[in-house]
Structures are given as C-alpha cells and as structure tokens.
C-alpha atoms as a PDB file:
ATOM      1  CA  MET A   1      -0.215   0.002  -0.063  1.00  0.00           C
ATOM      2  CA  TYR A   2       2.697   2.544   0.805  1.00  0.00           C
ATOM      3  CA  VAL A   3       4.535   1.654  -2.574  1.00  0.00           C
ATOM      4  CA  MET A   4       1.041   2.411  -4.322  1.00  0.00           C
ATOM      5  CA  LYS A   5       1.017   5.698  -2.555  1.00  0.00           C
ATOM      6  CA  LYS A   6       4.407   6.656  -3.464  1.00  0.00           C
ATOM      7  CA  LEU A   7       3.737   6.234  -6.779  1.00  0.00           C
ATOM      8  CA  ILE A   8       0.528   8.102  -6.969  1.00  0.00           C
ATOM      9  CA  ASP A   9       2.512  11.098  -5.384  1.00  0.00           C
ATOM     10  CA  VAL A  10       5.336  10.843  -7.697  1.00  0.00           C
ATOM     11  CA  LEU A  11       2.686  11.037 -10.661  1.00  0.00           C
ATOM     12  CA  LYS A  12       1.016  13.454  -9.273  1.00  0.00           C
ATOM     13  CA  GLU A  13       4.208  15.719  -8.675  1.00  0.00           C
ATOM     14  CA  LYS A  14       5.352  15.051 -12.311  1.00  0.00           C
ATOM     15  CA  PHE A  15       2.170  15.569 -14.110  1.00  0.00           C
ATOM     16  CA  MET A  16      -0.626  17.620 -12.311  1.00  0.00           C
ATOM     17  CA  ASN A  17       1.278  20.921 -12.218  1.00  0.00           C
ATOM     18  CA  ARG A  18       0.809  24.048 -14.225  1.00  0.00           C
ATOM     19  CA  ARG A  19       3.923  23.003 -16.255  1.00  0.00           C
ATOM     20  CA  PHE A  20       2.418  20.098 -17.228  1.00  0.00           C
ATOM     21  CA  LEU A  21      -1.143  21.385 -18.077  1.00  0.00           C
ATOM     22  CA  THR A  22       0.706  24.320 -20.056  1.00  0.00           C
ATOM     23  CA  PHE A  23       2.981  21.724 -21.810  1.00  0.00           C
ATOM     24  CA  GLY A  24      -0.486  19.605 -22.738  1.00  0.00           C
ATOM     25  CA  LEU A  25      -1.921  22.908 -24.447  1.00  0.00           C
ATOM     26  CA  ILE A  26       0.413  24.000 -26.345  1.00  0.00           C
ATOM     27  CA  GLY A  27       0.894  19.934 -27.278  1.00  0.00           C
ATOM     28  CA  VAL A  28      -3.140  20.002 -28.609  1.00  0.00           C
ATOM     29  CA  VAL A  29      -2.381  23.327 -31.027  1.00  0.00           C
ATOM     30  CA  ASN A  30       1.059  21.195 -31.933  1.00  0.00           C
ATOM     31  CA  THR A  31      -0.682  17.828 -32.175  1.00  0.00           C
ATOM     32  CA  LEU A  32      -3.424  19.348 -34.531  1.00  0.00           C
ATOM     33  CA  LEU A  33      -1.222  20.984 -36.837  1.00  0.00           C
ATOM     34  CA  ALA A  34       1.080  17.874 -37.244  1.00  0.00           C
ATOM     35  CA  GLN A  35      -2.055  15.801 -37.668  1.00  0.00           C
ATOM     36  CA  LEU A  36      -3.273  17.820 -40.712  1.00  0.00           C
ATOM     37  CA  LEU A  37       0.293  17.629 -42.108  1.00  0.00           C
ATOM     38  CA  TYR A  38      -0.077  13.825 -41.550  1.00  0.00           C
ATOM     39  CA  MET A  39      -3.582  13.452 -43.245  1.00  0.00           C
ATOM     40  CA  LEU A  40      -1.978  15.435 -46.130  1.00  0.00           C
ATOM     41  CA  PHE A  41       1.115  13.247 -46.282  1.00  0.00           C
ATOM     42  CA  VAL A  42      -1.033  10.205 -46.227  1.00  0.00           C
ATOM     43  CA  THR A  43      -3.472  11.249 -48.860  1.00  0.00           C
ATOM     44  CA  LEU A  44      -0.478  12.225 -51.201  1.00  0.00           C
ATOM     45  CA  GLY A  45       0.526   8.750 -50.821  1.00  0.00           C
ATOM     46  CA  ILE A  46       3.558   8.764 -48.073  1.00  0.00           C
ATOM     47  CA  GLN A  47       3.759   5.647 -46.283  1.00  0.00           C
ATOM     48  CA  VAL A  48       2.030   6.244 -42.732  1.00  0.00           C
ATOM     49  CA  SER A  49       5.191   6.285 -40.502  1.00  0.00           C
ATOM     50  CA  ALA A  50       7.246   8.751 -42.831  1.00  0.00           C
ATOM     51  CA  ALA A  51       4.178  10.722 -42.841  1.00  0.00           C
ATOM     52  CA  SER A  52       3.794  10.645 -39.184  1.00  0.00           C
ATOM     53  CA  ILE A  53       7.567  11.691 -38.730  1.00  0.00           C
ATOM     54  CA  LEU A  54       7.368  14.554 -41.182  1.00  0.00           C
ATOM     55  CA  GLY A  55       4.493  16.116 -39.555  1.00  0.00           C
ATOM     56  CA  ASP A  56       6.182  15.677 -36.034  1.00  0.00           C
ATOM     57  CA  VAL A  57       9.607  17.379 -37.607  1.00  0.00           C
ATOM     58  CA  ILE A  58       8.017  20.098 -39.259  1.00  0.00           C
ATOM     59  CA  THR A  59       5.821  21.363 -36.221  1.00  0.00           C
ATOM     60  CA  MET A  60       8.841  20.938 -33.847  1.00  0.00           C
ATOM     61  CA  ALA A  61       9.876  24.541 -34.135  1.00  0.00           C
ATOM     62  CA  PHE A  62       6.662  25.820 -33.308  1.00  0.00           C
ATOM     63  CA  SER A  63       6.682  23.624 -30.120  1.00  0.00           C
ATOM     64  CA  TYR A  64      10.327  24.727 -29.154  1.00  0.00           C
ATOM     65  CA  VAL A  65       9.052  28.489 -29.349  1.00  0.00           C
ATOM     66  CA  MET A  66       6.002  28.116 -27.400  1.00  0.00           C
ATOM     67  CA  ASN A  67       7.029  25.633 -24.972  1.00  0.00           C
ATOM     68  CA  MET A  68      10.468  27.761 -23.961  1.00  0.00           C
ATOM     69  CA  LYS A  69       8.342  30.994 -23.837  1.00  0.00           C
ATOM     70  CA  PHE A  70       5.078  29.460 -21.881  1.00  0.00           C
ATOM     71  CA  THR A  71       6.135  26.199 -20.358  1.00  0.00           C
ATOM     72  CA  TYR A  72       9.444  26.609 -19.048  1.00  0.00           C
ATOM     73  CA  HIS A  73      10.081  30.391 -19.306  1.00  0.00           C
ATOM     74  CA  GLU A  74      13.361  30.034 -20.362  1.00  0.00           C
ATOM     75  CA  LYS A  75      15.231  32.080 -23.007  1.00  0.00           C
ATOM     76  CA  MET A  76      15.559  30.690 -26.422  1.00  0.00           C
ATOM     77  CA  SER A  77      19.208  29.790 -27.879  1.00  0.00           C
ATOM     78  CA  TRP A  78      21.001  28.035 -30.298  1.00  0.00           C
ATOM     79  CA  LYS A  79      22.234  25.517 -28.024  1.00  0.00           C
ATOM     80  CA  SER A  80      18.382  24.685 -26.559  1.00  0.00           C
ATOM     81  CA  ALA A  81      17.505  24.856 -30.088  1.00  0.00           C
ATOM     82  CA  ALA A  82      19.768  22.398 -31.384  1.00  0.00           C
ATOM     83  CA  ALA A  83      19.499  20.037 -28.033  1.00  0.00           C
ATOM     84  CA  PHE A  84      15.353  20.770 -28.547  1.00  0.00           C
ATOM     85  CA  PRO A  85      14.753  18.159 -31.034  1.00  0.00           C
ATOM     86  CA  LEU A  86      16.290  15.357 -28.889  1.00  0.00           C
ATOM     87  CA  SER A  87      13.729  15.451 -26.417  1.00  0.00           C
ATOM     88  CA  TYR A  88      11.603  14.588 -29.227  1.00  0.00           C
ATOM     89  CA  VAL A  89      13.303  11.278 -30.494  1.00  0.00           C
ATOM     90  CA  PRO A  90      11.712   8.826 -28.093  1.00  0.00           C
ATOM     91  CA  GLY A  91       7.996  10.013 -28.683  1.00  0.00           C
ATOM     92  CA  ILE A  92       8.393  10.666 -32.290  1.00  0.00           C
ATOM     93  CA  THR A  93       9.918   6.781 -32.285  1.00  0.00           C
ATOM     94  CA  ILE A  94       7.285   5.254 -30.109  1.00  0.00           C
ATOM     95  CA  ASN A  95       4.326   7.330 -32.099  1.00  0.00           C
ATOM     96  CA  ALA A  96       6.050   6.112 -35.569  1.00  0.00           C
ATOM     97  CA  ALA A  97       5.925   2.438 -34.383  1.00  0.00           C
ATOM     98  CA  ALA A  98       2.367   2.795 -32.591  1.00  0.00           C
ATOM     99  CA  VAL A  99       0.919   4.611 -35.932  1.00  0.00           C
ATOM    100  CA  TRP A 100       2.446   1.648 -38.269  1.00  0.00           C
ATOM    101  CA  ILE A 101       0.742  -1.074 -35.608  1.00  0.00           C
ATOM    102  CA  ILE A 102      -2.561   0.613 -35.628  1.00  0.00           C
ATOM    103  CA  SER A 103      -2.687   1.278 -39.549  1.00  0.00           C
ATOM    104  CA  ASP A 104      -0.780  -2.087 -40.783  1.00  0.00           C
ATOM    105  CA  ILE A 105      -1.163  -4.538 -38.307  1.00  0.00           C
ATOM    106  CA  LEU A 106      -4.682  -3.560 -36.545  1.00  0.00           C
ATOM    107  CA  HIS A 107      -5.762  -2.392 -39.945  1.00  0.00           C
ATOM    108  CA  MET A 108      -7.615   0.659 -38.377  1.00  0.00           C
ATOM    109  CA  PRO A 109      -8.212   3.859 -40.511  1.00  0.00           C
ATOM    110  CA  LYS A 110      -4.651   5.154 -41.531  1.00  0.00           C
ATOM    111  CA  LEU A 111      -5.738   8.934 -41.572  1.00  0.00           C
ATOM    112  CA  TRP A 112      -6.529   8.822 -37.721  1.00  0.00           C
ATOM    113  CA  ALA A 113      -3.661   6.346 -36.571  1.00  0.00           C
ATOM    114  CA  LYS A 114      -1.607   9.080 -35.288  1.00  0.00           C
ATOM    115  CA  ALA A 115      -4.518  10.761 -33.228  1.00  0.00           C
ATOM    116  CA  ILE A 116      -4.987   7.041 -31.975  1.00  0.00           C
ATOM    117  CA  ALA A 117      -1.428   6.563 -30.976  1.00  0.00           C
ATOM    118  CA  LEU A 118      -1.081  10.085 -29.232  1.00  0.00           C
ATOM    119  CA  PRO A 119      -1.652   8.883 -25.654  1.00  0.00           C
ATOM    120  CA  PHE A 120       1.118   6.614 -25.765  1.00  0.00           C
ATOM    121  CA  ALA A 121       3.982   9.873 -26.877  1.00  0.00           C
ATOM    122  CA  VAL A 122       2.675  12.501 -24.671  1.00  0.00           C
ATOM    123  CA  PRO A 123       3.852  11.711 -21.134  1.00  0.00           C
ATOM    124  CA  ILE A 124       7.445  10.452 -22.854  1.00  0.00           C
ATOM    125  CA  ASN A 125       7.727  13.703 -24.840  1.00  0.00           C
ATOM    126  CA  PHE A 126       7.221  15.677 -21.439  1.00  0.00           C
ATOM    127  CA  LEU A 127       9.617  13.721 -19.179  1.00  0.00           C
ATOM    128  CA  CYS A 128      12.100  13.819 -21.980  1.00  0.00           C
ATOM    129  CA  MET A 129      11.888  17.465 -22.942  1.00  0.00           C
ATOM    130  CA  ASN A 130      12.000  18.339 -19.147  1.00  0.00           C
ATOM    131  CA  LEU A 131      15.564  16.775 -18.933  1.00  0.00           C
ATOM    132  CA  ILE A 132      16.509  18.794 -21.858  1.00  0.00           C
ATOM    133  CA  VAL A 133      15.268  22.090 -21.070  1.00  0.00           C
ATOM    134  CA  LYS A 134      16.882  21.503 -17.536  1.00  0.00           C
ATOM    135  CA  LYS A 135      20.370  20.484 -19.216  1.00  0.00           C
ATOM    136  CA  PHE A 136      20.815  23.475 -21.682  1.00  0.00           C
ATOM    137  CA  SER A 137      18.487  26.109 -20.019  1.00  0.00           C
ATOM    138  CA  LYS A 138      19.963  30.087 -19.918  1.00  0.00           C
ATOM    139  CA  LYS A 139      19.421  29.575 -15.946  1.00  0.00           C
ATOM    140  CA  GLU A 140      21.095  26.422 -15.307  1.00  0.00           C
ATOM    141  CA  ASN A 141      24.303  27.616 -17.478  1.00  0.00           C
ATOM    142  CA  THR A 142      24.579  30.552 -15.339  1.00  0.00           C
ATOM    143  CA  LYS A 143      25.262  28.816 -12.125  1.00  0.00           C
END
C-alpha cells in the first residue's frame, strides 16, 4: 500500500501541475498541426510512419518556441534549439511505431492512426523535454 501511495505521489508531482497543463495545451495545438500535415502526407501517398515523422519534424519549431516561452519560461538559445529535437526522439519513435501497428497490423483507419497513437507519446515527450530544458537552459548554465 505504501509503494502504491508513493507511486501516486510521484505521478501527481510530475504530471498534475501548471507546467504539464501548459505543455498539454501547447501540445494540443502542435498535435492538431501535426495531424493535419500527417493526413495531407498520407493523402499524397506517403507511407504512414514517414508521414507521421514528417508532420512531427515540421511542427517541432513551433513547439520549441511556445514551450520555451510559456511552459519553461526560458530564453531561447541556439544551444537549446539544437538540443530540443533530442527530446522528441523517443516520442516520435514510439508514435511512428504505434501508427504503423495501428494502421498496418490492426488495420484501423490510416488517417486517424496518429491521433489514436497520441496517448502513448505525450507523457514520454514531456519527461524527455524536461530533461533537455533543464540541461540546456540559460538559467542552469549561469550557475
């Protein structure tokens, strides 16, 4: 029982806070843009995993600017901008694999596979982005 309470406390601390909610709101807008791009690419005949990755990569710049400004309240720098894509690698990888499984293995609608796969990538992206921002933020580097 104690272990379960500790686990719940850790989950609350990591995910039930203003930073995660702001990240989530920015993520909704970013995800809608990525989903629209994904649907466009699939309609144009691009393979689903490649279409998913393309949509994510294109919307990464928007995500960087919005998250640095509103989620982390950090100044943007070339160093953090160069490191930012690293935070997306695990999420993009998991999302692309989930899209492939959903569309090609489970034979669910290809146009909606990215949206269906979303719950798997969001928490992973948040945790990875926290690590990257902490490591490369201006405040952190001036100490």
